[in-house]
Amino acid sequence: MESYDRLDAEFYDHYQIGLEGDVEFYVERATKAGGPVLELGCGTGRIAIPVARAGVEIVGLDRAPSMLAVARAKIAGLPREIRRRIELVEADMRTFALGRRFALVMIPYRAFLHMLTVEDQRACLRTVREHLAGDGRLVLNLFDPNVTVIAARLGAGAGMLRYARSFVHPASRRRVLVWEAWQYDPVRQLVDGHFMFDELDAAGTVTTRHASPLTLRWIYQYEMRHLLELEGLAVEALYGDFRGGAFRQGGEQVWVARRR
């Protein structure tokens, strides 16, 4: 975990496109908070840049240098008044110390699930609380584990690579096929993802192949509520989507919490 980096950073924006309505949700929350905003797991700036475009000062934090490099390249092409609202920091979301407090801390796109132990989860939330202003809010989203789906994927064929999608390589303009496989450990609540990227030439022959792993620890909603409360954060809301809909098992957990 300490040597973490994203080997697929150059491809990331082309096959990880977020969740329906998530950008608008986080931009609205940031605008309402008024800034400054801290985003943990900011990656390539998919959400940080729209927040800055909306006129809000934001600090984006990530521990993957390759992802931050993509974000910096995108930010470099923005107008100066937008660039000056964005600061990027390479740090660990469990242990960062920025010496300032924020009106809003957000952890979009299930980035909190990179915390693979209870100790990691609590350390992250503890550090978040230390960086929240007195009336500040934490907003984050997680997928809610669907036990029926997980059970079905424990059988024959578990962990086999399957075609997922394709995209055009941003540099070579060649077609890239994305293959993925998922393995579930219901005892430790871990899911291991394996991504394979095959770049094709004009004849359809694979010219290069890149592999990228991913491990997440899923969290049940009552468990997440307990984690927040343990670290001095009071739950204000739990939604099931980015429109404020009711929570439903197997969907999305969208949490809003404040300092206690």
C-alpha atoms as a PDB file:
ATOM      1  CA  MET A   1       0.000   0.000   0.000  1.00  0.00           C
ATOM      2  CA  GLU A   2       2.871   2.387   0.737  1.00  0.00           C
ATOM      3  CA  SER A   3       4.229   2.140  -2.829  1.00  0.00           C
ATOM      4  CA  TYR A   4       0.825   2.781  -4.365  1.00  0.00           C
ATOM      5  CA  ASP A   5       0.649   4.311  -7.828  1.00  0.00           C
ATOM      6  CA  ARG A   6      -1.735   3.963 -10.751  1.00  0.00           C
ATOM      7  CA  LEU A   7      -0.174   2.137 -13.681  1.00  0.00           C
ATOM      8  CA  ASP A   8      -3.269   2.933 -15.750  1.00  0.00           C
ATOM      9  CA  ALA A   9      -3.236   6.704 -15.141  1.00  0.00           C
ATOM     10  CA  GLU A  10      -2.949   7.614 -18.828  1.00  0.00           C
ATOM     11  CA  PHE A  11      -6.068   5.518 -19.538  1.00  0.00           C
ATOM     12  CA  TYR A  12      -8.049   6.306 -16.417  1.00  0.00           C
ATOM     13  CA  ASP A  13     -10.354   9.022 -17.763  1.00  0.00           C
ATOM     14  CA  HIS A  14     -11.222   6.858 -20.755  1.00  0.00           C
ATOM     15  CA  TYR A  15     -12.620   3.844 -18.917  1.00  0.00           C
ATOM     16  CA  GLN A  16     -13.537   5.221 -15.461  1.00  0.00           C
ATOM     17  CA  ILE A  17     -16.177   7.817 -16.217  1.00  0.00           C
ATOM     18  CA  GLY A  18     -17.731   8.172 -12.775  1.00  0.00           C
ATOM     19  CA  LEU A  19     -21.320   7.688 -11.630  1.00  0.00           C
ATOM     20  CA  GLU A  20     -24.456   9.340 -12.954  1.00  0.00           C
ATOM     21  CA  GLY A  21     -24.879  12.738 -11.341  1.00  0.00           C
ATOM     22  CA  ASP A  22     -21.822  12.580  -9.092  1.00  0.00           C
ATOM     23  CA  VAL A  23     -19.994  15.585 -10.548  1.00  0.00           C
ATOM     24  CA  GLU A  24     -23.067  17.797 -10.282  1.00  0.00           C
ATOM     25  CA  PHE A  25     -23.688  16.603  -6.716  1.00  0.00           C
ATOM     26  CA  TYR A  26     -20.197  17.410  -5.484  1.00  0.00           C
ATOM     27  CA  VAL A  27     -20.075  20.743  -7.309  1.00  0.00           C
ATOM     28  CA  GLU A  28     -23.392  21.713  -5.706  1.00  0.00           C
ATOM     29  CA  ARG A  29     -22.103  20.730  -2.262  1.00  0.00           C
ATOM     30  CA  ALA A  30     -18.887  22.678  -2.807  1.00  0.00           C
ATOM     31  CA  THR A  31     -20.759  25.759  -3.994  1.00  0.00           C
ATOM     32  CA  LYS A  32     -23.084  25.573  -0.990  1.00  0.00           C
ATOM     33  CA  ALA A  33     -20.114  25.258   1.388  1.00  0.00           C
ATOM     34  CA  GLY A  34     -18.428  28.215  -0.264  1.00  0.00           C
ATOM     35  CA  GLY A  35     -14.921  26.862   0.209  1.00  0.00           C
ATOM     36  CA  PRO A  36     -12.265  26.139   0.854  1.00  0.00           C
ATOM     37  CA  VAL A  37     -12.885  22.514  -0.157  1.00  0.00           C
ATOM     38  CA  LEU A  38     -10.614  19.501   0.260  1.00  0.00           C
ATOM     39  CA  GLU A  39     -11.022  16.503  -2.043  1.00  0.00           C
ATOM     40  CA  LEU A  40      -9.372  13.244  -0.982  1.00  0.00           C
ATOM     41  CA  GLY A  41      -8.515  10.829  -3.777  1.00  0.00           C
ATOM     42  CA  CYS A  42      -8.764  13.584  -6.390  1.00  0.00           C
ATOM     43  CA  GLY A  43      -7.089  11.461  -9.082  1.00  0.00           C
ATOM     44  CA  THR A  44      -7.003  13.171 -12.460  1.00  0.00           C
ATOM     45  CA  GLY A  45      -9.140  16.127 -11.381  1.00  0.00           C
ATOM     46  CA  ARG A  46     -12.466  14.851 -12.727  1.00  0.00           C
ATOM     47  CA  ILE A  47     -14.344  16.575  -9.906  1.00  0.00           C
ATOM     48  CA  ALA A  48     -11.809  19.134  -8.652  1.00  0.00           C
ATOM     49  CA  ILE A  49     -11.707  20.968 -11.978  1.00  0.00           C
ATOM     50  CA  PRO A  50     -15.512  21.465 -12.232  1.00  0.00           C
ATOM     51  CA  VAL A  51     -15.512  22.672  -8.612  1.00  0.00           C
ATOM     52  CA  ALA A  52     -12.868  25.279  -9.477  1.00  0.00           C
ATOM     53  CA  ARG A  53     -14.820  26.237 -12.597  1.00  0.00           C
ATOM     54  CA  ALA A  54     -17.797  26.910 -10.303  1.00  0.00           C
ATOM     55  CA  GLY A  55     -15.701  29.516  -8.479  1.00  0.00           C
ATOM     56  CA  VAL A  56     -14.713  27.510  -5.392  1.00  0.00           C
ATOM     57  CA  GLU A  57     -11.186  27.165  -3.997  1.00  0.00           C
ATOM     58  CA  ILE A  58     -10.205  23.492  -3.775  1.00  0.00           C
ATOM     59  CA  VAL A  59      -7.252  21.411  -2.623  1.00  0.00           C
ATOM     60  CA  GLY A  60      -7.003  18.035  -4.348  1.00  0.00           C
ATOM     61  CA  LEU A  61      -5.073  15.332  -2.491  1.00  0.00           C
ATOM     62  CA  ASP A  62      -3.934  11.978  -3.873  1.00  0.00           C
ATOM     63  CA  ARG A  63      -1.076   9.579  -3.181  1.00  0.00           C
ATOM     64  CA  ALA A  64      -0.604   8.467  -6.804  1.00  0.00           C
ATOM     65  CA  PRO A  65       1.995  10.645  -8.581  1.00  0.00           C
ATOM     66  CA  SER A  66       0.908   9.400 -12.005  1.00  0.00           C
ATOM     67  CA  MET A  67      -2.701  10.447 -11.430  1.00  0.00           C
ATOM     68  CA  LEU A  68      -1.632  13.865 -10.183  1.00  0.00           C
ATOM     69  CA  ALA A  69       0.563  14.268 -13.268  1.00  0.00           C
ATOM     70  CA  VAL A  70      -2.518  13.803 -15.476  1.00  0.00           C
ATOM     71  CA  ALA A  71      -4.434  16.308 -13.335  1.00  0.00           C
ATOM     72  CA  ARG A  72      -1.627  18.875 -13.578  1.00  0.00           C
ATOM     73  CA  ALA A  73      -1.530  18.526 -17.357  1.00  0.00           C
ATOM     74  CA  LYS A  74      -5.277  19.200 -17.554  1.00  0.00           C
ATOM     75  CA  ILE A  75      -5.094  22.118 -15.144  1.00  0.00           C
ATOM     76  CA  ALA A  76      -2.244  23.686 -17.125  1.00  0.00           C
ATOM     77  CA  GLY A  77      -4.635  24.193 -20.042  1.00  0.00           C
ATOM     78  CA  LEU A  78      -7.253  26.046 -17.988  1.00  0.00           C
ATOM     79  CA  PRO A  79      -7.702  29.829 -17.796  1.00  0.00           C
ATOM     80  CA  ARG A  80      -5.559  31.454 -15.119  1.00  0.00           C
ATOM     81  CA  GLU A  81      -8.507  32.414 -12.890  1.00  0.00           C
ATOM     82  CA  ILE A  82      -9.512  28.745 -12.670  1.00  0.00           C
ATOM     83  CA  ARG A  83      -5.955  27.427 -12.246  1.00  0.00           C
ATOM     84  CA  ARG A  84      -5.364  29.659  -9.251  1.00  0.00           C
ATOM     85  CA  ARG A  85      -8.297  28.074  -7.385  1.00  0.00           C
ATOM     86  CA  ILE A  86      -6.771  24.568  -7.524  1.00  0.00           C
ATOM     87  CA  GLU A  87      -3.933  23.240  -5.396  1.00  0.00           C
ATOM     88  CA  LEU A  88      -2.752  19.630  -5.744  1.00  0.00           C
ATOM     89  CA  VAL A  89      -1.040  17.754  -2.920  1.00  0.00           C
ATOM     90  CA  GLU A  90       0.617  14.343  -3.003  1.00  0.00           C
ATOM     91  CA  ALA A  91      -0.170  12.728   0.349  1.00  0.00           C
ATOM     92  CA  ASP A  92      -1.846   9.787   2.081  1.00  0.00           C
ATOM     93  CA  MET A  93      -5.473  10.324   3.100  1.00  0.00           C
ATOM     94  CA  ARG A  94      -4.782   8.562   6.399  1.00  0.00           C
ATOM     95  CA  THR A  95      -1.971  10.822   7.596  1.00  0.00           C
ATOM     96  CA  PHE A  96      -1.987  14.161   5.741  1.00  0.00           C
ATOM     97  CA  ALA A  97      -1.418  17.371   7.688  1.00  0.00           C
ATOM     98  CA  LEU A  98      -2.212  20.557   5.775  1.00  0.00           C
ATOM     99  CA  GLY A  99      -2.270  23.013   8.673  1.00  0.00           C
ATOM    100  CA  ARG A 100      -5.637  24.450   7.727  1.00  0.00           C
ATOM    101  CA  ARG A 101      -9.344  23.680   8.007  1.00  0.00           C
ATOM    102  CA  PHE A 102     -11.985  23.297   5.321  1.00  0.00           C
ATOM    103  CA  ALA A 103     -15.682  24.050   4.999  1.00  0.00           C
ATOM    104  CA  LEU A 104     -16.111  20.791   3.085  1.00  0.00           C
ATOM    105  CA  VAL A 105     -14.084  17.604   2.805  1.00  0.00           C
ATOM    106  CA  MET A 106     -15.252  15.221   0.106  1.00  0.00           C
ATOM    107  CA  ILE A 107     -14.179  11.704  -0.870  1.00  0.00           C
ATOM    108  CA  PRO A 108     -15.899  11.004  -4.207  1.00  0.00           C
ATOM    109  CA  TYR A 109     -16.062   7.955  -6.442  1.00  0.00           C
ATOM    110  CA  ARG A 110     -15.731   5.378  -3.660  1.00  0.00           C
ATOM    111  CA  ALA A 111     -12.129   6.382  -2.932  1.00  0.00           C
ATOM    112  CA  PHE A 112     -12.640   5.666   0.779  1.00  0.00           C
ATOM    113  CA  LEU A 113     -12.828   1.954  -0.130  1.00  0.00           C
ATOM    114  CA  HIS A 114      -9.065   2.029  -0.723  1.00  0.00           C
ATOM    115  CA  MET A 115      -8.821   1.952   3.077  1.00  0.00           C
ATOM    116  CA  LEU A 116      -8.331  -1.805   3.507  1.00  0.00           C
ATOM    117  CA  THR A 117      -8.419  -2.145   7.297  1.00  0.00           C
ATOM    118  CA  VAL A 118     -10.507  -0.715  10.100  1.00  0.00           C
ATOM    119  CA  GLU A 119      -7.352   1.007  11.352  1.00  0.00           C
ATOM    120  CA  ASP A 120      -6.908   2.712   7.965  1.00  0.00           C
ATOM    121  CA  GLN A 121     -10.560   3.739   7.839  1.00  0.00           C
ATOM    122  CA  ARG A 122     -10.480   5.249  11.321  1.00  0.00           C
ATOM    123  CA  ALA A 123      -7.166   7.008  10.682  1.00  0.00           C
ATOM    124  CA  CYS A 124      -8.592   8.640   7.565  1.00  0.00           C
ATOM    125  CA  LEU A 125     -11.769   9.809   9.302  1.00  0.00           C
ATOM    126  CA  ARG A 126      -9.790  11.054  12.297  1.00  0.00           C
ATOM    127  CA  THR A 127      -7.545  13.106  10.010  1.00  0.00           C
ATOM    128  CA  VAL A 128     -10.568  14.425   8.118  1.00  0.00           C
ATOM    129  CA  ARG A 129     -12.151  15.624  11.362  1.00  0.00           C
ATOM    130  CA  GLU A 130      -8.958  17.466  12.292  1.00  0.00           C
ATOM    131  CA  HIS A 131      -9.183  19.369   8.996  1.00  0.00           C
ATOM    132  CA  LEU A 132     -12.881  20.279   9.194  1.00  0.00           C
ATOM    133  CA  ALA A 133     -13.949  23.776  10.175  1.00  0.00           C
ATOM    134  CA  GLY A 134     -16.272  23.970  13.170  1.00  0.00           C
ATOM    135  CA  ASP A 135     -19.371  23.848  10.976  1.00  0.00           C
ATOM    136  CA  GLY A 136     -17.682  21.872   8.186  1.00  0.00           C
ATOM    137  CA  ARG A 137     -19.107  18.812   6.472  1.00  0.00           C
ATOM    138  CA  LEU A 138     -17.745  15.530   5.154  1.00  0.00           C
ATOM    139  CA  VAL A 139     -19.423  14.113   2.034  1.00  0.00           C
ATOM    140  CA  LEU A 140     -18.482  10.765   0.491  1.00  0.00           C
ATOM    141  CA  ASN A 141     -19.962   7.914  -1.464  1.00  0.00           C
ATOM    142  CA  LEU A 142     -19.456   4.131  -1.461  1.00  0.00           C
ATOM    143  CA  PHE A 143     -21.074   1.289  -3.326  1.00  0.00           C
ATOM    144  CA  ASP A 144     -23.398  -0.700  -1.084  1.00  0.00           C
ATOM    145  CA  PRO A 145     -22.438  -4.395  -1.234  1.00  0.00           C
ATOM    146  CA  ASN A 146     -25.020  -6.524  -2.997  1.00  0.00           C
ATOM    147  CA  VAL A 147     -24.700  -9.871  -1.233  1.00  0.00           C
ATOM    148  CA  THR A 148     -26.667 -11.681  -3.933  1.00  0.00           C
ATOM    149  CA  VAL A 149     -24.270 -10.506  -6.633  1.00  0.00           C
ATOM    150  CA  ILE A 150     -21.230 -11.287  -4.492  1.00  0.00           C
ATOM    151  CA  ALA A 151     -22.465 -14.816  -3.752  1.00  0.00           C
ATOM    152  CA  ALA A 152     -23.115 -15.453  -7.447  1.00  0.00           C
ATOM    153  CA  ARG A 153     -19.560 -14.423  -8.325  1.00  0.00           C
ATOM    154  CA  LEU A 154     -17.962 -16.839  -5.871  1.00  0.00           C
ATOM    155  CA  GLY A 155     -18.743 -19.819  -8.087  1.00  0.00           C
ATOM    156  CA  ALA A 156     -17.217 -21.221 -11.255  1.00  0.00           C
ATOM    157  CA  GLY A 157     -15.505 -18.641 -13.424  1.00  0.00           C
ATOM    158  CA  ALA A 158     -14.669 -16.320 -10.540  1.00  0.00           C
ATOM    159  CA  GLY A 159     -11.618 -14.243 -11.372  1.00  0.00           C
ATOM    160  CA  MET A 160     -11.753 -14.889 -15.130  1.00  0.00           C
ATOM    161  CA  LEU A 161     -10.973 -11.961 -17.430  1.00  0.00           C
ATOM    162  CA  ARG A 162     -13.983 -10.725 -19.391  1.00  0.00           C
ATOM    163  CA  TYR A 163     -14.286  -8.025 -22.045  1.00  0.00           C
ATOM    164  CA  ALA A 164     -15.650  -4.816 -20.515  1.00  0.00           C
ATOM    165  CA  ARG A 165     -15.358  -1.950 -23.022  1.00  0.00           C
ATOM    166  CA  SER A 166     -13.042  -0.201 -25.455  1.00  0.00           C
ATOM    167  CA  PHE A 167     -11.728   3.312 -26.043  1.00  0.00           C
ATOM    168  CA  VAL A 168      -9.356   5.210 -28.308  1.00  0.00           C
ATOM    169  CA  HIS A 169      -5.837   5.650 -26.933  1.00  0.00           C
ATOM    170  CA  PRO A 170      -5.312   9.371 -26.208  1.00  0.00           C
ATOM    171  CA  ALA A 171      -1.809   9.424 -27.748  1.00  0.00           C
ATOM    172  CA  SER A 172      -1.610   6.707 -30.417  1.00  0.00           C
ATOM    173  CA  ARG A 173      -5.306   6.979 -31.428  1.00  0.00           C
ATOM    174  CA  ARG A 174      -5.429   3.193 -31.563  1.00  0.00           C
ATOM    175  CA  ARG A 175      -8.293   1.145 -30.180  1.00  0.00           C
ATOM    176  CA  VAL A 176      -7.758  -0.243 -26.672  1.00  0.00           C
ATOM    177  CA  LEU A 177      -9.742  -3.208 -25.353  1.00  0.00           C
ATOM    178  CA  VAL A 178     -10.416  -3.322 -21.622  1.00  0.00           C
ATOM    179  CA  TRP A 179     -10.659  -6.714 -19.918  1.00  0.00           C
ATOM    180  CA  GLU A 180     -11.497  -7.053 -16.244  1.00  0.00           C
ATOM    181  CA  ALA A 181     -11.809  -9.743 -13.592  1.00  0.00           C
ATOM    182  CA  TRP A 182     -13.122  -9.570 -10.031  1.00  0.00           C
ATOM    183  CA  GLN A 183     -12.482 -11.831  -7.070  1.00  0.00           C
ATOM    184  CA  TYR A 184     -14.427 -11.492  -3.829  1.00  0.00           C
ATOM    185  CA  ASP A 185     -13.405 -12.405  -0.291  1.00  0.00           C
ATOM    186  CA  PRO A 186     -16.605 -12.189   1.789  1.00  0.00           C
ATOM    187  CA  VAL A 187     -14.799 -12.914   5.060  1.00  0.00           C
ATOM    188  CA  ARG A 188     -12.371  -9.968   4.802  1.00  0.00           C
ATOM    189  CA  GLN A 189     -14.844  -7.885   2.709  1.00  0.00           C
ATOM    190  CA  LEU A 190     -12.255  -7.457  -0.035  1.00  0.00           C
ATOM    191  CA  VAL A 191     -12.684  -7.313  -3.786  1.00  0.00           C
ATOM    192  CA  ASP A 192      -9.652  -7.670  -6.039  1.00  0.00           C
ATOM    193  CA  GLY A 193      -9.982  -6.201  -9.514  1.00  0.00           C
ATOM    194  CA  HIS A 194      -7.641  -7.049 -12.373  1.00  0.00           C
ATOM    195  CA  PHE A 195      -7.663  -4.842 -15.496  1.00  0.00           C
ATOM    196  CA  MET A 196      -5.951  -5.660 -18.776  1.00  0.00           C
ATOM    197  CA  PHE A 197      -5.554  -3.104 -21.578  1.00  0.00           C
ATOM    198  CA  ASP A 198      -4.835  -4.422 -25.077  1.00  0.00           C
ATOM    199  CA  GLU A 199      -3.799  -1.808 -27.636  1.00  0.00           C
ATOM    200  CA  LEU A 200      -4.561  -2.881 -31.221  1.00  0.00           C
ATOM    201  CA  ASP A 201      -3.001  -1.883 -34.517  1.00  0.00           C
ATOM    202  CA  ALA A 202      -4.986  -1.299 -37.722  1.00  0.00           C
ATOM    203  CA  ALA A 203      -5.061  -5.046 -38.390  1.00  0.00           C
ATOM    204  CA  GLY A 204      -6.480  -5.799 -34.949  1.00  0.00           C
ATOM    205  CA  THR A 205      -3.255  -7.285 -33.589  1.00  0.00           C
ATOM    206  CA  VAL A 206      -2.353  -6.632 -29.955  1.00  0.00           C
ATOM    207  CA  THR A 207       0.750  -4.416 -29.968  1.00  0.00           C
ATOM    208  CA  THR A 208       1.016  -3.595 -26.264  1.00  0.00           C
ATOM    209  CA  ARG A 209      -0.587  -4.966 -23.128  1.00  0.00           C
ATOM    210  CA  HIS A 210      -0.844  -3.220 -19.774  1.00  0.00           C
ATOM    211  CA  ALA A 211      -2.110  -4.745 -16.524  1.00  0.00           C
ATOM    212  CA  SER A 212      -3.406  -2.837 -13.503  1.00  0.00           C
ATOM    213  CA  PRO A 213      -4.613  -4.252 -10.149  1.00  0.00           C
ATOM    214  CA  LEU A 214      -7.162  -2.762  -7.764  1.00  0.00           C
ATOM    215  CA  THR A 215      -8.182  -3.835  -4.262  1.00  0.00           C
ATOM    216  CA  LEU A 216     -11.132  -2.370  -2.351  1.00  0.00           C
ATOM    217  CA  ARG A 217     -12.755  -3.159   0.989  1.00  0.00           C
ATOM    218  CA  TRP A 218     -16.515  -2.859   0.920  1.00  0.00           C
ATOM    219  CA  ILE A 219     -18.386  -1.389   3.881  1.00  0.00           C
ATOM    220  CA  TYR A 220     -21.941  -2.083   5.044  1.00  0.00           C
ATOM    221  CA  GLN A 221     -24.023   0.976   5.815  1.00  0.00           C
ATOM    222  CA  TYR A 222     -24.388   0.264   9.540  1.00  0.00           C
ATOM    223  CA  GLU A 223     -20.617  -0.289   9.712  1.00  0.00           C
ATOM    224  CA  MET A 224     -19.939   3.054   8.018  1.00  0.00           C
ATOM    225  CA  ARG A 225     -22.272   4.849  10.401  1.00  0.00           C
ATOM    226  CA  HIS A 226     -20.389   3.346  13.338  1.00  0.00           C
ATOM    227  CA  LEU A 227     -16.995   4.368  11.889  1.00  0.00           C
ATOM    228  CA  LEU A 228     -18.161   7.965  11.502  1.00  0.00           C
ATOM    229  CA  GLU A 229     -19.516   8.108  15.029  1.00  0.00           C
ATOM    230  CA  LEU A 230     -16.348   6.568  16.502  1.00  0.00           C
ATOM    231  CA  GLU A 231     -14.279   9.379  14.984  1.00  0.00           C
ATOM    232  CA  GLY A 232     -16.465  12.238  16.192  1.00  0.00           C
ATOM    233  CA  LEU A 233     -18.575  12.746  13.059  1.00  0.00           C
ATOM    234  CA  ALA A 234     -22.360  12.967  13.325  1.00  0.00           C
ATOM    235  CA  VAL A 235     -24.381  11.635  10.406  1.00  0.00           C
ATOM    236  CA  GLU A 236     -26.699  14.209   8.847  1.00  0.00           C
ATOM    237  CA  ALA A 237     -27.914  12.177   5.896  1.00  0.00           C
ATOM    238  CA  LEU A 238     -27.578   8.910   4.025  1.00  0.00           C
ATOM    239  CA  TYR A 239     -28.836   8.992   0.440  1.00  0.00           C
ATOM    240  CA  GLY A 240     -29.136   6.235  -2.111  1.00  0.00           C
ATOM    241  CA  ASP A 241     -28.141   8.357  -5.089  1.00  0.00           C
ATOM    242  CA  PHE A 242     -26.834  11.797  -6.050  1.00  0.00           C
ATOM    243  CA  ARG A 243     -30.317  13.289  -6.274  1.00  0.00           C
ATOM    244  CA  GLY A 244     -31.075  12.820  -2.574  1.00  0.00           C
ATOM    245  CA  GLY A 245     -33.084   9.635  -3.078  1.00  0.00           C
ATOM    246  CA  ALA A 246     -33.723   7.132  -0.292  1.00  0.00           C
ATOM    247  CA  PHE A 247     -31.016   4.613   0.533  1.00  0.00           C
ATOM    248  CA  ARG A 248     -31.630   1.114  -0.807  1.00  0.00           C
ATOM    249  CA  GLN A 249     -29.587  -2.008  -0.229  1.00  0.00           C
ATOM    250  CA  GLY A 250     -27.210  -2.878  -3.043  1.00  0.00           C
ATOM    251  CA  GLY A 251     -27.170   0.637  -4.513  1.00  0.00           C
ATOM    252  CA  GLU A 252     -25.022   3.582  -3.437  1.00  0.00           C
ATOM    253  CA  GLN A 253     -24.251   5.003  -0.013  1.00  0.00           C
ATOM    254  CA  VAL A 254     -23.978   8.801  -0.176  1.00  0.00           C
ATOM    255  CA  TRP A 255     -23.082  10.145   3.272  1.00  0.00           C
ATOM    256  CA  VAL A 256     -23.177  13.648   4.725  1.00  0.00           C
ATOM    257  CA  ALA A 257     -21.616  14.100   8.181  1.00  0.00           C
ATOM    258  CA  ARG A 258     -20.520  17.009  10.367  1.00  0.00           C
ATOM    259  CA  ARG A 259     -18.098  17.541  13.218  1.00  0.00           C
ATOM    260  CA  ARG A 260     -19.461  16.710  16.657  1.00  0.00           C
END
